[in-house]
Amino acid sequence: MLEVSKVSHDYERKGKCVVEDISFEIGGGEIFGFLGPSGAGKSTVQNIMTGLIKLQSGSVTYDGTSVRDARKKFYNKIGVSFEQPNLYPDLTGEENLKYYAGLFGVPTIRPMELLEKVGLSDSAKKKTGDYSKGMKQRLVFARALINRPEYLFLDEPTSGLDPSIAARVCELILEEKEKGTVIFITTHNMVLADRLCDRVAFLEGGRIHAMDTPYNLKLRYGSQAVKLTYHGGVSPEMFDLNNEREKLIAAISERKIDTIHTCEATLEDIFIKITGRGLAS
């Protein structure tokens, strides 16, 4: 269990917190999405949780042990994939993973096995300085898995990837979930969050504005409507399921229907409704 309680951080220590009173918990086998635009404070919270930024106030605990007391044994349990790839450009993909594996005090996964998983086996001997952005992103993701982490932190894990590769990365994330891994994803990609996350938190201006399952957020903040399109070019019609069920049934019974679409709100629609701003990266 990963628990974050009342975490705040002020980089300049002048009374202006970039994140304030952040609290949530994540259980094993759960994917938790931390959602918001760039500058909302997502990376700051992740860096505090992983010990890259010193905890100023509040608490972060892993199965009851504070991140303040983190030792090498703690870092054997976590994997981190950064949005900006931090690789050694003069080393090959395989060499990067071999070097990183040597930093851990636990058994690690063979580099070639991971490269195969993310579709980089053909580029294993190629220097990463010559990798494309998407290839670097895949290598950083693979690196985060090398120590079989119990806690996995993913910052924009599908950024810069084409749809087929992004789908493969999502499959690998879900495989980690099945193993019981605690997974924390920071992203402004609401489609990704809706697809993967068991629960999400909306972060804006350094504060959490809403937190729940994507399904519950859609029920609470979205509209319930159905859109019918009719044969013959007749203008489509929208029906409110709360007030116009009989009209909807009549339309379906009496008219020739081409398509029926539910019009549930997206997570991005709900984010804008709650915070009043969009999710430009």
C-alpha atoms as a PDB file:
ATOM      1  CA  MET A   1       0.000   0.000   0.000  1.00  0.00           C
ATOM      2  CA  LEU A   2       1.277   3.459  -0.990  1.00  0.00           C
ATOM      3  CA  GLU A   3      -0.144   6.295   1.111  1.00  0.00           C
ATOM      4  CA  VAL A   4       0.259  10.036   0.492  1.00  0.00           C
ATOM      5  CA  SER A   5      -1.149  12.334   3.186  1.00  0.00           C
ATOM      6  CA  LYS A   6      -1.364  16.135   3.233  1.00  0.00           C
ATOM      7  CA  VAL A   7       1.740  16.648   1.087  1.00  0.00           C
ATOM      8  CA  SER A   8       2.662  20.240   0.236  1.00  0.00           C
ATOM      9  CA  HIS A   9       5.786  21.676  -1.381  1.00  0.00           C
ATOM     10  CA  ASP A  10       7.177  25.195  -1.682  1.00  0.00           C
ATOM     11  CA  TYR A  11      10.322  25.287  -3.840  1.00  0.00           C
ATOM     12  CA  GLU A  12      11.366  28.769  -2.698  1.00  0.00           C
ATOM     13  CA  ARG A  13      10.026  28.419   0.850  1.00  0.00           C
ATOM     14  CA  LYS A  14       8.314  31.785   0.548  1.00  0.00           C
ATOM     15  CA  GLY A  15       4.773  30.688   1.291  1.00  0.00           C
ATOM     16  CA  LYS A  16       3.751  29.796  -2.270  1.00  0.00           C
ATOM     17  CA  CYS A  17       3.173  26.046  -2.592  1.00  0.00           C
ATOM     18  CA  VAL A  18       3.275  24.449  -6.034  1.00  0.00           C
ATOM     19  CA  VAL A  19       1.329  21.503  -4.593  1.00  0.00           C
ATOM     20  CA  GLU A  20      -0.797  21.739  -1.469  1.00  0.00           C
ATOM     21  CA  ASP A  21      -2.565  19.261   0.816  1.00  0.00           C
ATOM     22  CA  ILE A  22      -2.268  16.294  -1.573  1.00  0.00           C
ATOM     23  CA  SER A  23      -3.695  13.044  -0.191  1.00  0.00           C
ATOM     24  CA  PHE A  24      -4.490   9.652  -1.730  1.00  0.00           C
ATOM     25  CA  GLU A  25      -3.605   5.987  -1.409  1.00  0.00           C
ATOM     26  CA  ILE A  26      -2.960   3.217  -3.942  1.00  0.00           C
ATOM     27  CA  GLY A  27      -3.314  -0.490  -3.303  1.00  0.00           C
ATOM     28  CA  GLY A  28      -1.517  -3.388  -4.954  1.00  0.00           C
ATOM     29  CA  GLY A  29      -2.796  -4.206  -8.416  1.00  0.00           C
ATOM     30  CA  GLU A  30      -4.299  -0.733  -8.815  1.00  0.00           C
ATOM     31  CA  ILE A  31      -3.536   1.819 -11.515  1.00  0.00           C
ATOM     32  CA  PHE A  32      -3.936   5.352 -10.193  1.00  0.00           C
ATOM     33  CA  GLY A  33      -3.962   8.247 -12.647  1.00  0.00           C
ATOM     34  CA  PHE A  34      -2.737  11.693 -11.623  1.00  0.00           C
ATOM     35  CA  LEU A  35      -4.260  13.887 -14.303  1.00  0.00           C
ATOM     36  CA  GLY A  36      -3.737  17.493 -15.212  1.00  0.00           C
ATOM     37  CA  PRO A  37      -2.081  19.938 -17.620  1.00  0.00           C
ATOM     38  CA  SER A  38       1.614  20.739 -17.654  1.00  0.00           C
ATOM     39  CA  GLY A  39       2.526  22.867 -14.659  1.00  0.00           C
ATOM     40  CA  ALA A  40      -0.237  21.458 -12.457  1.00  0.00           C
ATOM     41  CA  GLY A  41       2.273  19.824 -10.100  1.00  0.00           C
ATOM     42  CA  LYS A  42       2.109  16.215 -11.280  1.00  0.00           C
ATOM     43  CA  SER A  43       5.854  15.686 -11.640  1.00  0.00           C
ATOM     44  CA  THR A  44       6.561  17.448  -8.345  1.00  0.00           C
ATOM     45  CA  VAL A  45       4.350  14.992  -6.485  1.00  0.00           C
ATOM     46  CA  GLN A  46       5.917  12.025  -8.264  1.00  0.00           C
ATOM     47  CA  ASN A  47       9.425  13.270  -7.489  1.00  0.00           C
ATOM     48  CA  ILE A  48       8.518  13.645  -3.815  1.00  0.00           C
ATOM     49  CA  MET A  49       7.047  10.145  -3.768  1.00  0.00           C
ATOM     50  CA  THR A  50      10.208   8.641  -5.273  1.00  0.00           C
ATOM     51  CA  GLY A  51      12.621  10.568  -3.082  1.00  0.00           C
ATOM     52  CA  LEU A  52      14.010  12.791  -5.852  1.00  0.00           C
ATOM     53  CA  ILE A  53      12.639  15.839  -4.025  1.00  0.00           C
ATOM     54  CA  LYS A  54      12.878  15.989  -0.240  1.00  0.00           C
ATOM     55  CA  LEU A  55       9.526  15.767   1.510  1.00  0.00           C
ATOM     56  CA  GLN A  56       8.781  19.111   3.208  1.00  0.00           C
ATOM     57  CA  SER A  57       5.414  18.507   4.839  1.00  0.00           C
ATOM     58  CA  GLY A  58       2.919  15.689   5.075  1.00  0.00           C
ATOM     59  CA  SER A  59       3.805  12.028   4.703  1.00  0.00           C
ATOM     60  CA  VAL A  60       4.524   9.424   2.027  1.00  0.00           C
ATOM     61  CA  THR A  61       4.648   5.827   3.225  1.00  0.00           C
ATOM     62  CA  TYR A  62       5.238   2.488   1.546  1.00  0.00           C
ATOM     63  CA  ASP A  63       3.632  -0.304   3.569  1.00  0.00           C
ATOM     64  CA  GLY A  64       4.021   1.901   6.622  1.00  0.00           C
ATOM     65  CA  THR A  65       7.649   2.960   5.992  1.00  0.00           C
ATOM     66  CA  SER A  66       8.233   6.667   5.348  1.00  0.00           C
ATOM     67  CA  VAL A  67       9.982   7.837   2.193  1.00  0.00           C
ATOM     68  CA  ARG A  68      12.095   9.944   4.567  1.00  0.00           C
ATOM     69  CA  ASP A  69      13.717   6.693   5.677  1.00  0.00           C
ATOM     70  CA  ALA A  70      14.374   5.442   2.154  1.00  0.00           C
ATOM     71  CA  ARG A  71      17.499   3.336   1.741  1.00  0.00           C
ATOM     72  CA  LYS A  72      18.891   1.260  -1.128  1.00  0.00           C
ATOM     73  CA  LYS A  73      16.436  -1.519  -0.302  1.00  0.00           C
ATOM     74  CA  PHE A  74      13.603   0.919  -1.037  1.00  0.00           C
ATOM     75  CA  TYR A  75      14.950   1.779  -4.484  1.00  0.00           C
ATOM     76  CA  ASN A  76      15.149  -1.925  -5.325  1.00  0.00           C
ATOM     77  CA  LYS A  77      11.333  -1.906  -5.128  1.00  0.00           C
ATOM     78  CA  ILE A  78      10.505   1.008  -7.426  1.00  0.00           C
ATOM     79  CA  GLY A  79      10.644   1.598 -11.156  1.00  0.00           C
ATOM     80  CA  VAL A  80      10.392   5.039 -12.751  1.00  0.00           C
ATOM     81  CA  SER A  81       9.794   6.005 -16.373  1.00  0.00           C
ATOM     82  CA  PHE A  82      10.358   9.705 -17.040  1.00  0.00           C
ATOM     83  CA  GLU A  83       8.659  11.675 -19.813  1.00  0.00           C
ATOM     84  CA  GLN A  84      12.016  13.111 -20.889  1.00  0.00           C
ATOM     85  CA  PRO A  85      14.296  10.122 -21.661  1.00  0.00           C
ATOM     86  CA  ASN A  86      17.469  10.224 -19.551  1.00  0.00           C
ATOM     87  CA  LEU A  87      19.740   7.754 -21.325  1.00  0.00           C
ATOM     88  CA  TYR A  88      23.457   7.418 -22.020  1.00  0.00           C
ATOM     89  CA  PRO A  89      23.600   8.359 -25.720  1.00  0.00           C
ATOM     90  CA  ASP A  90      26.965   6.694 -26.413  1.00  0.00           C
ATOM     91  CA  LEU A  91      25.762   3.350 -25.070  1.00  0.00           C
ATOM     92  CA  THR A  92      23.554   0.986 -27.019  1.00  0.00           C
ATOM     93  CA  GLY A  93      20.050   0.143 -25.900  1.00  0.00           C
ATOM     94  CA  GLU A  94      21.263  -3.155 -24.481  1.00  0.00           C
ATOM     95  CA  GLU A  95      24.220  -1.512 -22.734  1.00  0.00           C
ATOM     96  CA  ASN A  96      21.963   1.112 -21.152  1.00  0.00           C
ATOM     97  CA  LEU A  97      19.808  -1.622 -19.639  1.00  0.00           C
ATOM     98  CA  LYS A  98      22.817  -3.700 -18.511  1.00  0.00           C
ATOM     99  CA  TYR A  99      24.321  -0.688 -16.756  1.00  0.00           C
ATOM    100  CA  TYR A 100      21.044   0.177 -15.046  1.00  0.00           C
ATOM    101  CA  ALA A 101      20.468  -3.437 -13.977  1.00  0.00           C
ATOM    102  CA  GLY A 102      23.833  -3.364 -12.213  1.00  0.00           C
ATOM    103  CA  LEU A 103      22.619  -0.613  -9.881  1.00  0.00           C
ATOM    104  CA  PHE A 104      20.116  -2.927  -8.171  1.00  0.00           C
ATOM    105  CA  GLY A 105      20.674  -5.381  -5.377  1.00  0.00           C
ATOM    106  CA  VAL A 106      17.954  -7.759  -6.595  1.00  0.00           C
ATOM    107  CA  PRO A 107      17.678 -10.151  -9.565  1.00  0.00           C
ATOM    108  CA  THR A 108      16.803  -8.287 -12.755  1.00  0.00           C
ATOM    109  CA  ILE A 109      15.180  -9.149 -16.085  1.00  0.00           C
ATOM    110  CA  ARG A 110      17.517  -9.848 -19.018  1.00  0.00           C
ATOM    111  CA  PRO A 111      17.899  -6.715 -21.191  1.00  0.00           C
ATOM    112  CA  MET A 112      17.126  -8.566 -24.427  1.00  0.00           C
ATOM    113  CA  GLU A 113      13.886  -9.888 -22.953  1.00  0.00           C
ATOM    114  CA  LEU A 114      12.746  -6.355 -22.190  1.00  0.00           C
ATOM    115  CA  LEU A 115      13.885  -5.025 -25.550  1.00  0.00           C
ATOM    116  CA  GLU A 116      11.840  -7.736 -27.221  1.00  0.00           C
ATOM    117  CA  LYS A 117       8.773  -6.774 -25.173  1.00  0.00           C
ATOM    118  CA  VAL A 118       8.917  -3.136 -26.331  1.00  0.00           C
ATOM    119  CA  GLY A 119       9.871  -3.897 -29.939  1.00  0.00           C
ATOM    120  CA  LEU A 120      13.487  -2.753 -29.759  1.00  0.00           C
ATOM    121  CA  SER A 121      15.369  -6.037 -30.116  1.00  0.00           C
ATOM    122  CA  ASP A 122      16.459  -5.133 -33.666  1.00  0.00           C
ATOM    123  CA  SER A 123      18.010  -1.919 -32.300  1.00  0.00           C
ATOM    124  CA  ALA A 124      19.702  -3.482 -29.273  1.00  0.00           C
ATOM    125  CA  LYS A 125      23.202  -2.818 -30.628  1.00  0.00           C
ATOM    126  CA  LYS A 126      22.421   0.705 -31.817  1.00  0.00           C
ATOM    127  CA  LYS A 127      23.588   3.733 -29.783  1.00  0.00           C
ATOM    128  CA  THR A 128      20.653   5.392 -28.082  1.00  0.00           C
ATOM    129  CA  GLY A 129      21.857   8.784 -29.276  1.00  0.00           C
ATOM    130  CA  ASP A 130      20.650   7.615 -32.695  1.00  0.00           C
ATOM    131  CA  TYR A 131      17.256   6.447 -31.411  1.00  0.00           C
ATOM    132  CA  SER A 132      14.088   8.338 -32.344  1.00  0.00           C
ATOM    133  CA  LYS A 133      12.051   9.997 -29.599  1.00  0.00           C
ATOM    134  CA  GLY A 134       9.597   7.110 -29.560  1.00  0.00           C
ATOM    135  CA  MET A 135      12.389   4.525 -29.325  1.00  0.00           C
ATOM    136  CA  LYS A 136      13.937   6.367 -26.408  1.00  0.00           C
ATOM    137  CA  GLN A 137      10.568   6.487 -24.671  1.00  0.00           C
ATOM    138  CA  ARG A 138      10.164   2.724 -25.078  1.00  0.00           C
ATOM    139  CA  LEU A 139      13.649   2.094 -23.716  1.00  0.00           C
ATOM    140  CA  VAL A 140      13.001   4.240 -20.644  1.00  0.00           C
ATOM    141  CA  PHE A 141       9.766   2.339 -20.064  1.00  0.00           C
ATOM    142  CA  ALA A 142      11.589  -0.997 -20.393  1.00  0.00           C
ATOM    143  CA  ARG A 143      14.235   0.223 -17.972  1.00  0.00           C
ATOM    144  CA  ALA A 144      11.556   0.948 -15.366  1.00  0.00           C
ATOM    145  CA  LEU A 145      10.574  -2.744 -15.410  1.00  0.00           C
ATOM    146  CA  ILE A 146      14.042  -4.252 -15.177  1.00  0.00           C
ATOM    147  CA  ASN A 147      14.057  -4.777 -11.396  1.00  0.00           C
ATOM    148  CA  ARG A 148      10.519  -6.230 -11.275  1.00  0.00           C
ATOM    149  CA  PRO A 149       9.280  -3.260  -9.232  1.00  0.00           C
ATOM    150  CA  GLU A 150       6.556  -3.439  -6.620  1.00  0.00           C
ATOM    151  CA  TYR A 151       5.830   0.260  -7.242  1.00  0.00           C
ATOM    152  CA  LEU A 152       5.846   1.595 -10.792  1.00  0.00           C
ATOM    153  CA  PHE A 153       5.853   5.320 -11.606  1.00  0.00           C
ATOM    154  CA  LEU A 154       5.082   6.283 -15.199  1.00  0.00           C
ATOM    155  CA  ASP A 155       5.249   9.878 -16.427  1.00  0.00           C
ATOM    156  CA  GLU A 156       3.399  10.216 -19.768  1.00  0.00           C
ATOM    157  CA  PRO A 157       4.244   6.595 -20.718  1.00  0.00           C
ATOM    158  CA  THR A 158       2.851   6.756 -24.273  1.00  0.00           C
ATOM    159  CA  SER A 159       4.112  10.228 -25.187  1.00  0.00           C
ATOM    160  CA  GLY A 160       5.575  10.283 -28.705  1.00  0.00           C
ATOM    161  CA  LEU A 161       4.522   6.717 -29.537  1.00  0.00           C
ATOM    162  CA  ASP A 162       2.536   5.668 -32.591  1.00  0.00           C
ATOM    163  CA  PRO A 163      -0.842   4.030 -31.865  1.00  0.00           C
ATOM    164  CA  SER A 164       0.311   0.420 -32.267  1.00  0.00           C
ATOM    165  CA  ILE A 165       3.339   0.839 -30.000  1.00  0.00           C
ATOM    166  CA  ALA A 166       1.275   2.816 -27.472  1.00  0.00           C
ATOM    167  CA  ALA A 167      -1.207  -0.069 -27.397  1.00  0.00           C
ATOM    168  CA  ARG A 168       1.645  -2.499 -26.671  1.00  0.00           C
ATOM    169  CA  VAL A 169       2.892  -0.328 -23.802  1.00  0.00           C
ATOM    170  CA  CYS A 170      -0.639  -0.273 -22.386  1.00  0.00           C
ATOM    171  CA  GLU A 171      -0.722  -4.079 -22.538  1.00  0.00           C
ATOM    172  CA  LEU A 172       2.543  -4.251 -20.590  1.00  0.00           C
ATOM    173  CA  ILE A 173       1.197  -1.843 -17.969  1.00  0.00           C
ATOM    174  CA  LEU A 174      -1.885  -4.026 -17.527  1.00  0.00           C
ATOM    175  CA  GLU A 175       0.378  -7.071 -17.177  1.00  0.00           C
ATOM    176  CA  GLU A 176       2.140  -5.307 -14.299  1.00  0.00           C
ATOM    177  CA  LYS A 177      -1.236  -4.600 -12.714  1.00  0.00           C
ATOM    178  CA  GLU A 178      -2.076  -8.310 -12.864  1.00  0.00           C
ATOM    179  CA  LYS A 179       1.125  -9.033 -10.938  1.00  0.00           C
ATOM    180  CA  GLY A 180      -0.135  -6.854  -8.076  1.00  0.00           C
ATOM    181  CA  THR A 181       2.135  -3.877  -8.785  1.00  0.00           C
ATOM    182  CA  VAL A 182       1.171  -0.455  -7.427  1.00  0.00           C
ATOM    183  CA  ILE A 183       1.082   1.773 -10.528  1.00  0.00           C
ATOM    184  CA  PHE A 184       1.078   5.593 -10.505  1.00  0.00           C
ATOM    185  CA  ILE A 185       0.604   7.330 -13.872  1.00  0.00           C
ATOM    186  CA  THR A 186       0.997  11.071 -14.401  1.00  0.00           C
ATOM    187  CA  THR A 187      -0.521  12.310 -17.633  1.00  0.00           C
ATOM    188  CA  HIS A 188      -2.607  14.935 -19.387  1.00  0.00           C
ATOM    189  CA  ASN A 189      -3.822  12.234 -21.798  1.00  0.00           C
ATOM    190  CA  MET A 190      -7.387  11.566 -20.659  1.00  0.00           C
ATOM    191  CA  VAL A 191      -7.955   8.821 -23.246  1.00  0.00           C
ATOM    192  CA  LEU A 192      -5.010   6.886 -21.807  1.00  0.00           C
ATOM    193  CA  ALA A 193      -6.280   7.431 -18.264  1.00  0.00           C
ATOM    194  CA  ASP A 194      -9.801   6.294 -19.144  1.00  0.00           C
ATOM    195  CA  ARG A 195      -8.426   3.151 -20.748  1.00  0.00           C
ATOM    196  CA  LEU A 196      -6.042   2.123 -17.965  1.00  0.00           C
ATOM    197  CA  CYS A 197      -6.851   3.686 -14.620  1.00  0.00           C
ATOM    198  CA  ASP A 198      -8.909   2.187 -11.817  1.00  0.00           C
ATOM    199  CA  ARG A 199      -9.091   5.602 -10.168  1.00  0.00           C
ATOM    200  CA  VAL A 200      -8.006   9.083 -11.173  1.00  0.00           C
ATOM    201  CA  ALA A 201      -7.348  12.378  -9.445  1.00  0.00           C
ATOM    202  CA  PHE A 202      -7.755  15.735 -11.229  1.00  0.00           C
ATOM    203  CA  LEU A 203      -4.877  18.056 -10.339  1.00  0.00           C
ATOM    204  CA  GLU A 204      -4.961  21.753 -11.185  1.00  0.00           C
ATOM    205  CA  GLY A 205      -3.104  24.627  -9.564  1.00  0.00           C
ATOM    206  CA  GLY A 206      -1.372  22.230  -7.191  1.00  0.00           C
ATOM    207  CA  ARG A 207      -4.604  20.907  -5.657  1.00  0.00           C
ATOM    208  CA  ILE A 208      -6.755  17.833  -6.202  1.00  0.00           C
ATOM    209  CA  HIS A 209     -10.210  18.931  -7.418  1.00  0.00           C
ATOM    210  CA  ALA A 210     -11.832  15.501  -7.799  1.00  0.00           C
ATOM    211  CA  MET A 211     -10.883  11.852  -7.272  1.00  0.00           C
ATOM    212  CA  ASP A 212     -12.840   8.702  -8.147  1.00  0.00           C
ATOM    213  CA  THR A 213     -13.149   5.978 -10.764  1.00  0.00           C
ATOM    214  CA  PRO A 214     -13.557   7.246 -14.351  1.00  0.00           C
ATOM    215  CA  TYR A 215     -16.993   5.591 -14.435  1.00  0.00           C
ATOM    216  CA  ASN A 216     -18.214   7.336 -11.289  1.00  0.00           C
ATOM    217  CA  LEU A 217     -16.898  10.713 -12.451  1.00  0.00           C
ATOM    218  CA  LYS A 218     -18.787  10.351 -15.722  1.00  0.00           C
ATOM    219  CA  LEU A 219     -21.981   9.475 -13.885  1.00  0.00           C
ATOM    220  CA  ARG A 220     -21.606  12.357 -11.446  1.00  0.00           C
ATOM    221  CA  TYR A 221     -20.585  15.139 -13.815  1.00  0.00           C
ATOM    222  CA  GLY A 222     -21.581  13.972 -17.286  1.00  0.00           C
ATOM    223  CA  SER A 223     -24.919  14.170 -19.058  1.00  0.00           C
ATOM    224  CA  GLN A 224     -26.984  11.097 -19.908  1.00  0.00           C
ATOM    225  CA  ALA A 225     -28.111  11.426 -23.479  1.00  0.00           C
ATOM    226  CA  VAL A 226     -28.556   9.404 -26.654  1.00  0.00           C
ATOM    227  CA  LYS A 227     -28.101  10.678 -30.192  1.00  0.00           C
ATOM    228  CA  LEU A 228     -30.079   9.138 -33.073  1.00  0.00           C
ATOM    229  CA  THR A 229     -29.227   9.606 -36.733  1.00  0.00           C
ATOM    230  CA  TYR A 230     -32.012   8.846 -39.203  1.00  0.00           C
ATOM    231  CA  HIS A 231     -32.029   7.306 -42.637  1.00  0.00           C
ATOM    232  CA  GLY A 232     -32.399   9.676 -45.563  1.00  0.00           C
ATOM    233  CA  GLY A 233     -30.354  12.610 -44.337  1.00  0.00           C
ATOM    234  CA  VAL A 234     -32.818  13.796 -41.705  1.00  0.00           C
ATOM    235  CA  SER A 235     -31.152  15.884 -39.012  1.00  0.00           C
ATOM    236  CA  PRO A 236     -29.962  13.839 -35.994  1.00  0.00           C
ATOM    237  CA  GLU A 237     -31.826  14.162 -32.723  1.00  0.00           C
ATOM    238  CA  MET A 238     -30.646  14.145 -29.096  1.00  0.00           C
ATOM    239  CA  PHE A 239     -32.672  12.696 -26.214  1.00  0.00           C
ATOM    240  CA  ASP A 240     -32.119  13.298 -22.499  1.00  0.00           C
ATOM    241  CA  LEU A 241     -32.379   9.904 -20.786  1.00  0.00           C
ATOM    242  CA  ASN A 242     -33.586  11.498 -17.569  1.00  0.00           C
ATOM    243  CA  ASN A 243     -36.568  13.284 -19.117  1.00  0.00           C
ATOM    244  CA  GLU A 244     -37.182  11.972 -22.633  1.00  0.00           C
ATOM    245  CA  ARG A 245     -37.154   8.192 -22.431  1.00  0.00           C
ATOM    246  CA  GLU A 246     -40.656   7.824 -23.879  1.00  0.00           C
ATOM    247  CA  LYS A 247     -39.820  10.100 -26.797  1.00  0.00           C
ATOM    248  CA  LEU A 248     -36.664   8.051 -27.439  1.00  0.00           C
ATOM    249  CA  ILE A 249     -38.594   4.770 -27.432  1.00  0.00           C
ATOM    250  CA  ALA A 250     -41.166   6.244 -29.790  1.00  0.00           C
ATOM    251  CA  ALA A 251     -38.492   7.489 -32.191  1.00  0.00           C
ATOM    252  CA  ILE A 252     -36.780   4.105 -32.277  1.00  0.00           C
ATOM    253  CA  SER A 253     -40.120   2.357 -32.858  1.00  0.00           C
ATOM    254  CA  GLU A 254     -41.483   4.673 -35.515  1.00  0.00           C
ATOM    255  CA  ARG A 255     -38.501   5.860 -37.537  1.00  0.00           C
ATOM    256  CA  LYS A 256     -35.740   4.233 -39.578  1.00  0.00           C
ATOM    257  CA  ILE A 257     -32.563   4.564 -37.536  1.00  0.00           C
ATOM    258  CA  ASP A 258     -29.063   4.561 -39.003  1.00  0.00           C
ATOM    259  CA  THR A 259     -27.063   4.897 -35.785  1.00  0.00           C
ATOM    260  CA  ILE A 260     -27.559   5.182 -32.019  1.00  0.00           C
ATOM    261  CA  HIS A 261     -24.826   6.765 -29.900  1.00  0.00           C
ATOM    262  CA  THR A 262     -24.598   7.354 -26.170  1.00  0.00           C
ATOM    263  CA  CYS A 263     -23.196  10.800 -25.442  1.00  0.00           C
ATOM    264  CA  GLU A 264     -21.381  10.334 -22.152  1.00  0.00           C
ATOM    265  CA  ALA A 265     -18.871  12.989 -21.219  1.00  0.00           C
ATOM    266  CA  THR A 266     -15.167  12.277 -21.637  1.00  0.00           C
ATOM    267  CA  LEU A 267     -12.741  12.691 -18.737  1.00  0.00           C
ATOM    268  CA  GLU A 268     -11.454  15.812 -20.462  1.00  0.00           C
ATOM    269  CA  ASP A 269     -14.984  17.264 -20.612  1.00  0.00           C
ATOM    270  CA  ILE A 270     -15.348  16.599 -16.896  1.00  0.00           C
ATOM    271  CA  PHE A 271     -11.930  18.024 -16.084  1.00  0.00           C
ATOM    272  CA  ILE A 272     -12.825  21.278 -17.848  1.00  0.00           C
ATOM    273  CA  LYS A 273     -16.185  21.372 -16.087  1.00  0.00           C
ATOM    274  CA  ILE A 274     -14.591  20.930 -12.653  1.00  0.00           C
ATOM    275  CA  THR A 275     -11.481  23.102 -13.025  1.00  0.00           C
ATOM    276  CA  GLY A 276     -12.536  25.577 -15.688  1.00  0.00           C
ATOM    277  CA  ARG A 277      -9.513  24.956 -17.890  1.00  0.00           C
ATOM    278  CA  GLY A 278      -8.310  22.573 -20.560  1.00  0.00           C
ATOM    279  CA  LEU A 279      -5.475  20.085 -20.791  1.00  0.00           C
ATOM    280  CA  ALA A 280      -3.041  21.559 -23.297  1.00  0.00           C
ATOM    281  CA  SER A 281       0.312  19.887 -22.748  1.00  0.00           C
END
